[in-house]
PDB file of N, CA and C in Angstrom:
ATOM      1  N   UNK A   1      20.329   9.854 -15.375  1.00  0.00           N
ATOM      2  CA  UNK A   1      19.375   8.807 -15.665  1.00  0.00           C
ATOM      3  C   UNK A   1      19.318   7.758 -14.564  1.00  0.00           C
ATOM      4  N   UNK A   2      20.436   7.448 -13.932  1.00  0.00           N
ATOM      5  CA  UNK A   2      20.450   6.401 -12.913  1.00  0.00           C
ATOM      6  C   UNK A   2      19.964   6.963 -11.584  1.00  0.00           C
ATOM      7  N   UNK A   3      19.309   6.118 -10.819  1.00  0.00           N
ATOM      8  CA  UNK A   3      18.821   6.496  -9.496  1.00  0.00           C
ATOM      9  C   UNK A   3      19.497   5.596  -8.477  1.00  0.00           C
ATOM     10  N   UNK A   4      20.125   6.199  -7.446  1.00  0.00           N
ATOM     11  CA  UNK A   4      20.833   5.419  -6.437  1.00  0.00           C
ATOM     12  C   UNK A   4      19.964   5.314  -5.196  1.00  0.00           C
ATOM     13  N   UNK A   5      19.866   4.118  -4.647  1.00  0.00           N
ATOM     14  CA  UNK A   5      19.087   3.884  -3.436  1.00  0.00           C
ATOM     15  C   UNK A   5      20.023   3.743  -2.241  1.00  0.00           C
ATOM     16  N   UNK A   6      19.475   3.736  -1.018  1.00  0.00           N
ATOM     17  CA  UNK A   6      20.263   3.670   0.213  1.00  0.00           C
ATOM     18  C   UNK A   6      21.151   2.438   0.296  1.00  0.00           C
ATOM     19  N   UNK A   7      20.694   1.300  -0.240  1.00  0.00           N
ATOM     20  CA  UNK A   7      21.475   0.069  -0.115  1.00  0.00           C
ATOM     21  C   UNK A   7      22.519  -0.081  -1.220  1.00  0.00           C
ATOM     22  N   UNK A   8      22.712   0.950  -2.012  1.00  0.00           N
ATOM     23  CA  UNK A   8      23.738   0.908  -3.035  1.00  0.00           C
ATOM     24  C   UNK A   8      23.267   0.358  -4.373  1.00  0.00           C
ATOM     25  N   UNK A   9      22.000  -0.004  -4.487  1.00  0.00           N
ATOM     26  CA  UNK A   9      21.466  -0.517  -5.742  1.00  0.00           C
ATOM     27  C   UNK A   9      21.248   0.643  -6.712  1.00  0.00           C
ATOM     28  N   UNK A  10      21.678   0.421  -7.917  1.00  0.00           N
ATOM     29  CA  UNK A  10      21.493   1.446  -8.939  1.00  0.00           C
ATOM     30  C   UNK A  10      20.424   0.967  -9.913  1.00  0.00           C
ATOM     31  N   UNK A  11      19.420   1.792 -10.094  1.00  0.00           N
ATOM     32  CA  UNK A  11      18.358   1.476 -11.044  1.00  0.00           C
ATOM     33  C   UNK A  11      18.512   2.378 -12.259  1.00  0.00           C
ATOM     34  N   UNK A  12      18.445   1.797 -13.418  1.00  0.00           N
ATOM     35  CA  UNK A  12      18.538   2.573 -14.644  1.00  0.00           C
ATOM     36  C   UNK A  12      17.162   2.582 -15.297  1.00  0.00           C
ATOM     37  N   UNK A  13      16.676   3.755 -15.582  1.00  0.00           N
ATOM     38  CA  UNK A  13      15.365   3.886 -16.212  1.00  0.00           C
ATOM     39  C   UNK A  13      15.523   3.662 -17.719  1.00  0.00           C
ATOM     40  N   UNK A  14      14.761   2.717 -18.219  1.00  0.00           N
ATOM     41  CA  UNK A  14      14.780   2.445 -19.659  1.00  0.00           C
ATOM     42  C   UNK A  14      13.454   2.881 -20.258  1.00  0.00           C
ATOM     43  N   UNK A  15      13.563   3.560 -21.366  1.00  0.00           N
ATOM     44  CA  UNK A  15      12.340   3.973 -22.032  1.00  0.00           C
ATOM     45  C   UNK A  15      11.735   2.790 -22.761  1.00  0.00           C
ATOM     46  N   UNK A  16      10.434   2.639 -22.600  1.00  0.00           N
ATOM     47  CA  UNK A  16       9.733   1.573 -23.312  1.00  0.00           C
ATOM     48  C   UNK A  16       9.150   2.175 -24.573  1.00  0.00           C
ATOM     49  N   UNK A  17       9.402   1.504 -25.656  1.00  0.00           N
ATOM     50  CA  UNK A  17       8.812   1.955 -26.907  1.00  0.00           C
ATOM     51  C   UNK A  17       7.615   1.071 -27.187  1.00  0.00           C
ATOM     52  N   UNK A  18       6.461   1.688 -27.180  1.00  0.00           N
ATOM     53  CA  UNK A  18       5.236   0.954 -27.454  1.00  0.00           C
ATOM     54  C   UNK A  18       4.979   0.985 -28.946  1.00  0.00           C
ATOM     55  N   UNK A  19       4.680  -0.167 -29.481  1.00  0.00           N
ATOM     56  CA  UNK A  19       4.337  -0.194 -30.893  1.00  0.00           C
ATOM     57  C   UNK A  19       2.832  -0.397 -31.010  1.00  0.00           C
ATOM     58  N   UNK A  20       2.255   0.102 -32.064  1.00  0.00           N
ATOM     59  CA  UNK A  20       0.804  -0.034 -32.212  1.00  0.00           C
ATOM     60  C   UNK A  20       0.417  -1.503 -32.356  1.00  0.00           C
ATOM     61  N   UNK A  21      -0.808  -1.845 -31.960  1.00  0.00           N
ATOM     62  CA  UNK A  21      -1.234  -3.247 -32.056  1.00  0.00           C
ATOM     63  C   UNK A  21      -1.336  -3.667 -33.518  1.00  0.00           C
ATOM     64  N   UNK A  22      -1.165  -4.965 -33.787  1.00  0.00           N
ATOM     65  CA  UNK A  22      -1.315  -5.424 -35.170  1.00  0.00           C
ATOM     66  C   UNK A  22      -2.750  -5.189 -35.632  1.00  0.00           C
ATOM     67  N   UNK A  23      -2.891  -4.826 -36.879  1.00  0.00           N
ATOM     68  CA  UNK A  23      -4.204  -4.532 -37.436  1.00  0.00           C
ATOM     69  C   UNK A  23      -4.662  -5.701 -38.309  1.00  0.00           C
ATOM     70  N   UNK A  24      -5.974  -5.823 -38.429  1.00  0.00           N
ATOM     71  CA  UNK A  24      -6.570  -6.919 -39.194  1.00  0.00           C
ATOM     72  C   UNK A  24      -7.598  -6.377 -40.186  1.00  0.00           C
ATOM     73  N   UNK A  25      -7.560  -6.927 -41.392  1.00  0.00           N
ATOM     74  CA  UNK A  25      -8.553  -6.611 -42.420  1.00  0.00           C
ATOM     75  C   UNK A  25      -9.762  -7.512 -42.172  1.00  0.00           C
ATOM     76  N   UNK A  26     -10.957  -6.958 -42.271  1.00  0.00           N
ATOM     77  CA  UNK A  26     -12.180  -7.747 -42.155  1.00  0.00           C
ATOM     78  C   UNK A  26     -12.814  -7.809 -43.541  1.00  0.00           C
ATOM     79  N   UNK A  27     -13.053  -9.029 -44.017  1.00  0.00           N
ATOM     80  CA  UNK A  27     -13.600  -9.254 -45.359  1.00  0.00           C
ATOM     81  C   UNK A  27     -14.939  -9.977 -45.291  1.00  0.00           C
ATOM     82  N   UNK A  28     -15.810  -9.654 -46.233  1.00  0.00           N
ATOM     83  CA  UNK A  28     -16.996 -10.462 -46.499  1.00  0.00           C
ATOM     84  C   UNK A  28     -16.685 -11.301 -47.724  1.00  0.00           C
ATOM     85  N   UNK A  29     -17.144 -12.559 -47.714  1.00  0.00           N
ATOM     86  CA  UNK A  29     -16.886 -13.475 -48.821  1.00  0.00           C
ATOM     87  C   UNK A  29     -18.164 -13.709 -49.622  1.00  0.00           C
ATOM     88  N   UNK A  30     -17.997 -13.883 -50.911  1.00  0.00           N
ATOM     89  CA  UNK A  30     -19.132 -14.083 -51.799  1.00  0.00           C
ATOM     90  C   UNK A  30     -19.739 -15.477 -51.638  1.00  0.00           C
ATOM     91  N   UNK A  31     -21.042 -15.546 -51.822  1.00  0.00           N
ATOM     92  CA  UNK A  31     -21.746 -16.823 -51.943  1.00  0.00           C
ATOM     93  C   UNK A  31     -22.901 -16.590 -52.920  1.00  0.00           C
ATOM     94  N   UNK A  32     -23.533 -17.659 -53.346  1.00  0.00           N
ATOM     95  CA  UNK A  32     -24.591 -17.544 -54.356  1.00  0.00           C
ATOM     96  C   UNK A  32     -25.983 -17.406 -53.754  1.00  0.00           C
ATOM     97  N   UNK A  33     -26.096 -17.260 -52.451  1.00  0.00           N
ATOM     98  CA  UNK A  33     -27.405 -17.301 -51.813  1.00  0.00           C
ATOM     99  C   UNK A  33     -27.781 -16.038 -51.048  1.00  0.00           C
ATOM    100  N   UNK A  34     -26.828 -15.356 -50.458  1.00  0.00           N
ATOM    101  CA  UNK A  34     -27.134 -14.169 -49.655  1.00  0.00           C
ATOM    102  C   UNK A  34     -27.534 -13.013 -50.563  1.00  0.00           C
ATOM    103  N   UNK A  35     -28.704 -12.412 -50.325  1.00  0.00           N
ATOM    104  CA  UNK A  35     -29.151 -11.291 -51.169  1.00  0.00           C
ATOM    105  C   UNK A  35     -28.220 -10.085 -51.053  1.00  0.00           C
ATOM    106  N   UNK A  36     -28.044  -9.393 -52.164  1.00  0.00           N
ATOM    107  CA  UNK A  36     -27.158  -8.231 -52.195  1.00  0.00           C
ATOM    108  C   UNK A  36     -27.616  -7.154 -51.217  1.00  0.00           C
ATOM    109  N   UNK A  37     -28.914  -6.943 -51.103  1.00  0.00           N
ATOM    110  CA  UNK A  37     -29.434  -5.932 -50.185  1.00  0.00           C
ATOM    111  C   UNK A  37     -29.094  -6.267 -48.735  1.00  0.00           C
ATOM    112  N   UNK A  38     -29.102  -7.554 -48.398  1.00  0.00           N
ATOM    113  CA  UNK A  38     -28.734  -7.967 -47.039  1.00  0.00           C
ATOM    114  C   UNK A  38     -27.267  -7.637 -46.780  1.00  0.00           C
ATOM    115  N   UNK A  39     -26.408  -7.879 -47.767  1.00  0.00           N
ATOM    116  CA  UNK A  39     -24.977  -7.589 -47.622  1.00  0.00           C
ATOM    117  C   UNK A  39     -24.775  -6.083 -47.429  1.00  0.00           C
ATOM    118  N   UNK A  40     -25.464  -5.271 -48.209  1.00  0.00           N
ATOM    119  CA  UNK A  40     -25.364  -3.816 -48.069  1.00  0.00           C
ATOM    120  C   UNK A  40     -25.797  -3.397 -46.662  1.00  0.00           C
ATOM    121  N   UNK A  41     -26.895  -3.964 -46.172  1.00  0.00           N
ATOM    122  CA  UNK A  41     -27.393  -3.627 -44.830  1.00  0.00           C
ATOM    123  C   UNK A  41     -26.374  -4.017 -43.753  1.00  0.00           C
ATOM    124  N   UNK A  42     -25.748  -5.174 -43.901  1.00  0.00           N
ATOM    125  CA  UNK A  42     -24.721  -5.639 -42.949  1.00  0.00           C
ATOM    126  C   UNK A  42     -23.553  -4.660 -42.922  1.00  0.00           C
ATOM    127  N   UNK A  43     -23.092  -4.263 -44.093  1.00  0.00           N
ATOM    128  CA  UNK A  43     -21.951  -3.343 -44.179  1.00  0.00           C
ATOM    129  C   UNK A  43     -22.304  -2.005 -43.534  1.00  0.00           C
ATOM    130  N   UNK A  44     -23.501  -1.521 -43.777  1.00  0.00           N
ATOM    131  CA  UNK A  44     -23.921  -0.248 -43.176  1.00  0.00           C
ATOM    132  C   UNK A  44     -24.019  -0.371 -41.654  1.00  0.00           C
ATOM    133  N   UNK A  45     -24.605  -1.449 -41.188  1.00  0.00           N
ATOM    134  CA  UNK A  45     -24.843  -1.603 -39.750  1.00  0.00           C
ATOM    135  C   UNK A  45     -23.577  -1.867 -38.953  1.00  0.00           C
ATOM    136  N   UNK A  46     -22.734  -2.786 -39.396  1.00  0.00           N
ATOM    137  CA  UNK A  46     -21.584  -3.209 -38.597  1.00  0.00           C
ATOM    138  C   UNK A  46     -20.279  -2.501 -38.935  1.00  0.00           C
ATOM    139  N   UNK A  47     -20.226  -1.865 -40.108  1.00  0.00           N
ATOM    140  CA  UNK A  47     -18.980  -1.195 -40.501  1.00  0.00           C
ATOM    141  C   UNK A  47     -19.167   0.306 -40.704  1.00  0.00           C
ATOM    142  N   UNK A  48     -20.364   0.804 -40.353  1.00  0.00           N
ATOM    143  CA  UNK A  48     -20.649   2.239 -40.374  1.00  0.00           C
ATOM    144  C   UNK A  48     -20.326   2.909 -41.714  1.00  0.00           C
ATOM    145  N   UNK A  49     -20.684   2.258 -42.789  1.00  0.00           N
ATOM    146  CA  UNK A  49     -20.476   2.826 -44.126  1.00  0.00           C
ATOM    147  C   UNK A  49     -21.790   3.419 -44.627  1.00  0.00           C
ATOM    148  N   UNK A  50     -21.682   4.472 -45.451  1.00  0.00           N
ATOM    149  CA  UNK A  50     -22.892   5.021 -46.059  1.00  0.00           C
ATOM    150  C   UNK A  50     -23.372   4.069 -47.155  1.00  0.00           C
ATOM    151  N   UNK A  51     -24.565   4.303 -47.642  1.00  0.00           N
ATOM    152  CA  UNK A  51     -25.179   3.368 -48.608  1.00  0.00           C
ATOM    153  C   UNK A  51     -24.335   3.214 -49.869  1.00  0.00           C
ATOM    154  N   UNK A  52     -23.793   4.303 -50.377  1.00  0.00           N
ATOM    155  CA  UNK A  52     -22.995   4.234 -51.605  1.00  0.00           C
ATOM    156  C   UNK A  52     -21.727   3.399 -51.401  1.00  0.00           C
ATOM    157  N   UNK A  53     -21.016   3.637 -50.318  1.00  0.00           N
ATOM    158  CA  UNK A  53     -19.792   2.875 -50.025  1.00  0.00           C
ATOM    159  C   UNK A  53     -20.132   1.407 -49.777  1.00  0.00           C
ATOM    160  N   UNK A  54     -21.212   1.162 -49.041  1.00  0.00           N
ATOM    161  CA  UNK A  54     -21.630  -0.215 -48.768  1.00  0.00           C
ATOM    162  C   UNK A  54     -21.971  -0.940 -50.069  1.00  0.00           C
ATOM    163  N   UNK A  55     -22.608  -0.252 -50.994  1.00  0.00           N
ATOM    164  CA  UNK A  55     -22.940  -0.858 -52.289  1.00  0.00           C
ATOM    165  C   UNK A  55     -21.671  -1.166 -53.076  1.00  0.00           C
ATOM    166  N   UNK A  56     -20.695  -0.279 -53.040  1.00  0.00           N
ATOM    167  CA  UNK A  56     -19.423  -0.524 -53.736  1.00  0.00           C
ATOM    168  C   UNK A  56     -18.705  -1.736 -53.155  1.00  0.00           C
ATOM    169  N   UNK A  57     -18.701  -1.864 -51.831  1.00  0.00           N
ATOM    170  CA  UNK A  57     -18.072  -3.027 -51.191  1.00  0.00           C
ATOM    171  C   UNK A  57     -18.827  -4.294 -51.567  1.00  0.00           C
ATOM    172  N   UNK A  58     -20.161  -4.237 -51.545  1.00  0.00           N
ATOM    173  CA  UNK A  58     -20.969  -5.398 -51.921  1.00  0.00           C
ATOM    174  C   UNK A  58     -20.671  -5.834 -53.353  1.00  0.00           C
ATOM    175  N   UNK A  59     -20.515  -4.877 -54.262  1.00  0.00           N
ATOM    176  CA  UNK A  59     -20.196  -5.223 -55.656  1.00  0.00           C
ATOM    177  C   UNK A  59     -18.802  -5.836 -55.773  1.00  0.00           C
ATOM    178  N   UNK A  60     -17.882  -5.377 -54.938  1.00  0.00           N
ATOM    179  CA  UNK A  60     -16.538  -5.971 -54.915  1.00  0.00           C
ATOM    180  C   UNK A  60     -16.621  -7.421 -54.435  1.00  0.00           C
ATOM    181  N   UNK A  61     -17.437  -7.657 -53.413  1.00  0.00           N
ATOM    182  CA  UNK A  61     -17.643  -9.024 -52.914  1.00  0.00           C
ATOM    183  C   UNK A  61     -18.207  -9.884 -54.041  1.00  0.00           C
ATOM    184  N   UNK A  62     -19.196  -9.355 -54.734  1.00  0.00           N
ATOM    185  CA  UNK A  62     -19.858 -10.103 -55.802  1.00  0.00           C
ATOM    186  C   UNK A  62     -18.914 -10.380 -56.974  1.00  0.00           C
ATOM    187  N   UNK A  63     -18.152  -9.379 -57.393  1.00  0.00           N
ATOM    188  CA  UNK A  63     -17.253  -9.513 -58.546  1.00  0.00           C
ATOM    189  C   UNK A  63     -15.969 -10.274 -58.230  1.00  0.00           C
ATOM    190  N   UNK A  64     -15.324  -9.909 -57.125  1.00  0.00           N
ATOM    191  CA  UNK A  64     -13.976 -10.410 -56.831  1.00  0.00           C
ATOM    192  C   UNK A  64     -13.948 -11.576 -55.849  1.00  0.00           C
ATOM    193  N   UNK A  65     -15.093 -11.908 -55.268  1.00  0.00           N
ATOM    194  CA  UNK A  65     -15.135 -13.021 -54.325  1.00  0.00           C
ATOM    195  C   UNK A  65     -14.983 -12.609 -52.883  1.00  0.00           C
ATOM    196  N   UNK A  66     -14.417 -11.416 -52.642  1.00  0.00           N
ATOM    197  CA  UNK A  66     -14.327 -10.897 -51.282  1.00  0.00           C
ATOM    198  C   UNK A  66     -14.162  -9.392 -51.345  1.00  0.00           C
ATOM    199  N   UNK A  67     -14.602  -8.738 -50.292  1.00  0.00           N
ATOM    200  CA  UNK A  67     -14.481  -7.288 -50.213  1.00  0.00           C
ATOM    201  C   UNK A  67     -14.122  -6.877 -48.804  1.00  0.00           C
ATOM    202  N   UNK A  68     -13.175  -5.938 -48.716  1.00  0.00           N
ATOM    203  CA  UNK A  68     -12.714  -5.492 -47.405  1.00  0.00           C
ATOM    204  C   UNK A  68     -13.670  -4.435 -46.846  1.00  0.00           C
ATOM    205  N   UNK A  69     -14.098  -4.664 -45.623  1.00  0.00           N
ATOM    206  CA  UNK A  69     -15.045  -3.759 -44.964  1.00  0.00           C
ATOM    207  C   UNK A  69     -14.357  -2.789 -44.010  1.00  0.00           C
ATOM    208  N   UNK A  70     -13.142  -3.118 -43.582  1.00  0.00           N
ATOM    209  CA  UNK A  70     -12.437  -2.231 -42.665  1.00  0.00           C
ATOM    210  C   UNK A  70     -11.176  -2.864 -42.121  1.00  0.00           C
ATOM    211  N   UNK A  71     -10.393  -2.046 -41.412  1.00  0.00           N
ATOM    212  CA  UNK A  71      -9.143  -2.485 -40.784  1.00  0.00           C
ATOM    213  C   UNK A  71      -9.227  -2.095 -39.309  1.00  0.00           C
ATOM    214  N   UNK A  72      -9.031  -3.086 -38.434  1.00  0.00           N
ATOM    215  CA  UNK A  72      -9.237  -2.884 -37.002  1.00  0.00           C
ATOM    216  C   UNK A  72      -8.189  -3.647 -36.192  1.00  0.00           C
ATOM    217  N   UNK A  73      -8.007  -3.252 -34.908  1.00  0.00           N
ATOM    218  CA  UNK A  73      -7.201  -4.085 -34.005  1.00  0.00           C
ATOM    219  C   UNK A  73      -7.876  -5.455 -33.858  1.00  0.00           C
ATOM    220  N   UNK A  74      -7.116  -6.438 -33.421  1.00  0.00           N
ATOM    221  CA  UNK A  74      -7.587  -7.826 -33.386  1.00  0.00           C
ATOM    222  C   UNK A  74      -8.913  -8.011 -32.651  1.00  0.00           C
ATOM    223  N   UNK A  75      -9.051  -7.453 -31.461  1.00  0.00           N
ATOM    224  CA  UNK A  75     -10.271  -7.652 -30.670  1.00  0.00           C
ATOM    225  C   UNK A  75     -11.500  -7.088 -31.369  1.00  0.00           C
ATOM    226  N   UNK A  76     -11.360  -5.909 -31.932  1.00  0.00           N
ATOM    227  CA  UNK A  76     -12.492  -5.286 -32.624  1.00  0.00           C
ATOM    228  C   UNK A  76     -12.827  -6.065 -33.886  1.00  0.00           C
ATOM    229  N   UNK A  77     -11.793  -6.487 -34.641  1.00  0.00           N
ATOM    230  CA  UNK A  77     -12.024  -7.251 -35.870  1.00  0.00           C
ATOM    231  C   UNK A  77     -12.746  -8.560 -35.564  1.00  0.00           C
ATOM    232  N   UNK A  78     -12.310  -9.273 -34.535  1.00  0.00           N
ATOM    233  CA  UNK A  78     -12.945 -10.558 -34.226  1.00  0.00           C
ATOM    234  C   UNK A  78     -14.377 -10.361 -33.740  1.00  0.00           C
ATOM    235  N   UNK A  79     -14.633  -9.284 -33.018  1.00  0.00           N
ATOM    236  CA  UNK A  79     -15.999  -8.986 -32.580  1.00  0.00           C
ATOM    237  C   UNK A  79     -16.896  -8.700 -33.776  1.00  0.00           C
ATOM    238  N   UNK A  80     -16.413  -7.922 -34.727  1.00  0.00           N
ATOM    239  CA  UNK A  80     -17.203  -7.614 -35.920  1.00  0.00           C
ATOM    240  C   UNK A  80     -17.495  -8.882 -36.716  1.00  0.00           C
ATOM    241  N   UNK A  81     -16.504  -9.758 -36.854  1.00  0.00           N
ATOM    242  CA  UNK A  81     -16.708 -11.022 -37.568  1.00  0.00           C
ATOM    243  C   UNK A  81     -17.817 -11.823 -36.892  1.00  0.00           C
ATOM    244  N   UNK A  82     -17.755 -11.952 -35.579  1.00  0.00           N
ATOM    245  CA  UNK A  82     -18.771 -12.720 -34.851  1.00  0.00           C
ATOM    246  C   UNK A  82     -20.160 -12.101 -34.953  1.00  0.00           C
ATOM    247  N   UNK A  83     -20.235 -10.778 -34.874  1.00  0.00           N
ATOM    248  CA  UNK A  83     -21.528 -10.105 -34.993  1.00  0.00           C
ATOM    249  C   UNK A  83     -22.158 -10.329 -36.370  1.00  0.00           C
ATOM    250  N   UNK A  84     -21.340 -10.201 -37.415  1.00  0.00           N
ATOM    251  CA  UNK A  84     -21.842 -10.405 -38.778  1.00  0.00           C
ATOM    252  C   UNK A  84     -22.303 -11.848 -38.958  1.00  0.00           C
ATOM    253  N   UNK A  85     -21.495 -12.805 -38.522  1.00  0.00           N
ATOM    254  CA  UNK A  85     -21.856 -14.217 -38.679  1.00  0.00           C
ATOM    255  C   UNK A  85     -23.134 -14.545 -37.916  1.00  0.00           C
ATOM    256  N   UNK A  86     -23.268 -14.035 -36.704  1.00  0.00           N
ATOM    257  CA  UNK A  86     -24.467 -14.284 -35.908  1.00  0.00           C
ATOM    258  C   UNK A  86     -25.706 -13.696 -36.580  1.00  0.00           C
ATOM    259  N   UNK A  87     -25.590 -12.459 -37.058  1.00  0.00           N
ATOM    260  CA  UNK A  87     -26.717 -11.810 -37.732  1.00  0.00           C
ATOM    261  C   UNK A  87     -27.119 -12.588 -38.990  1.00  0.00           C
ATOM    262  N   UNK A  88     -26.128 -12.989 -39.781  1.00  0.00           N
ATOM    263  CA  UNK A  88     -26.409 -13.725 -41.021  1.00  0.00           C
ATOM    264  C   UNK A  88     -27.083 -15.064 -40.721  1.00  0.00           C
ATOM    265  N   UNK A  89     -26.610 -15.785 -39.718  1.00  0.00           N
ATOM    266  CA  UNK A  89     -27.193 -17.093 -39.382  1.00  0.00           C
ATOM    267  C   UNK A  89     -28.638 -16.943 -38.908  1.00  0.00           C
ATOM    268  N   UNK A  90     -28.879 -15.916 -38.078  1.00  0.00           N
ATOM    269  CA  UNK A  90     -30.238 -15.684 -37.589  1.00  0.00           C
ATOM    270  C   UNK A  90     -31.194 -15.356 -38.737  1.00  0.00           C
ATOM    271  N   UNK A  91     -30.657 -14.707 -39.781  1.00  0.00           N
ATOM    272  CA  UNK A  91     -31.478 -14.356 -40.938  1.00  0.00           C
ATOM    273  C   UNK A  91     -31.556 -15.502 -41.943  1.00  0.00           C
ATOM    274  N   UNK A  92     -30.824 -16.582 -41.676  1.00  0.00           N
ATOM    275  CA  UNK A  92     -30.861 -17.752 -42.557  1.00  0.00           C
ATOM    276  C   UNK A  92     -29.973 -17.640 -43.788  1.00  0.00           C
ATOM    277  N   UNK A  93     -28.927 -16.805 -43.711  1.00  0.00           N
ATOM    278  CA  UNK A  93     -28.026 -16.627 -44.855  1.00  0.00           C
ATOM    279  C   UNK A  93     -26.647 -17.231 -44.551  1.00  0.00           C
ATOM    280  N   UNK A  94     -25.986 -17.785 -45.584  1.00  0.00           N
ATOM    281  CA  UNK A  94     -24.659 -18.398 -45.386  1.00  0.00           C
ATOM    282  C   UNK A  94     -23.494 -17.410 -45.521  1.00  0.00           C
ATOM    283  N   UNK A  95     -23.745 -16.127 -45.402  1.00  0.00           N
ATOM    284  CA  UNK A  95     -22.698 -15.111 -45.556  1.00  0.00           C
ATOM    285  C   UNK A  95     -21.512 -15.423 -44.658  1.00  0.00           C
ATOM    286  N   UNK A  96     -20.314 -15.327 -45.225  1.00  0.00           N
ATOM    287  CA  UNK A  96     -19.084 -15.562 -44.464  1.00  0.00           C
ATOM    288  C   UNK A  96     -18.345 -14.250 -44.258  1.00  0.00           C
ATOM    289  N   UNK A  97     -17.768 -14.096 -43.080  1.00  0.00           N
ATOM    290  CA  UNK A  97     -16.974 -12.920 -42.734  1.00  0.00           C
ATOM    291  C   UNK A  97     -15.698 -13.440 -42.091  1.00  0.00           C
ATOM    292  N   UNK A  98     -14.551 -12.950 -42.566  1.00  0.00           N
ATOM    293  CA  UNK A  98     -13.256 -13.406 -42.052  1.00  0.00           C
ATOM    294  C   UNK A  98     -12.349 -12.227 -41.779  1.00  0.00           C
ATOM    295  N   UNK A  99     -11.296 -12.482 -41.008  1.00  0.00           N
ATOM    296  CA  UNK A  99     -10.286 -11.458 -40.767  1.00  0.00           C
ATOM    297  C   UNK A  99      -8.905 -12.001 -41.090  1.00  0.00           C
ATOM    298  N   UNK A 100      -8.059 -11.130 -41.604  1.00  0.00           N
ATOM    299  CA  UNK A 100      -6.677 -11.497 -41.944  1.00  0.00           C
ATOM    300  C   UNK A 100      -5.766 -10.411 -41.443  1.00  0.00           C
ATOM    301  N   UNK A 101      -4.606 -10.814 -40.933  1.00  0.00           N
ATOM    302  CA  UNK A 101      -3.660  -9.811 -40.438  1.00  0.00           C
ATOM    303  C   UNK A 101      -3.189  -8.936 -41.576  1.00  0.00           C
ATOM    304  N   UNK A 102      -3.151  -7.638 -41.316  1.00  0.00           N
ATOM    305  CA  UNK A 102      -2.756  -6.660 -42.349  1.00  0.00           C
ATOM    306  C   UNK A 102      -1.271  -6.723 -42.625  1.00  0.00           C
TER     307      UNK A 102
END
C-alpha cells in the first residue's frame, strides 16, 4: 500500500469513502386560493407525475396541509422550489413550495 519516493518520503494511499449527498423532500403547502387544477398542473410539469398521481398529491395537500412531491439532492430540490414559486407568482397564485432535509 505504501509508495516510497526517491527522497525517502513514504506516501500511504487512503481510500476515500464517498457518502451520498443529503436528500431533501419537496412539499407543496395548502392555501385557500390556488385552484386545485393549477396545483395538479404544477405537479405534473415540475415533478413529472402522471395525472392520477398528481391528483392524489393535490388531495393530500388539500386534506393534510402539505403534500410531498419528491425527494431530491439539495440543488435540484431548491431549483424545483424556485421554479414552482416563480410559476405560481406569474399566474397570480399564493401557492407555497418548501423543502426539508430528509
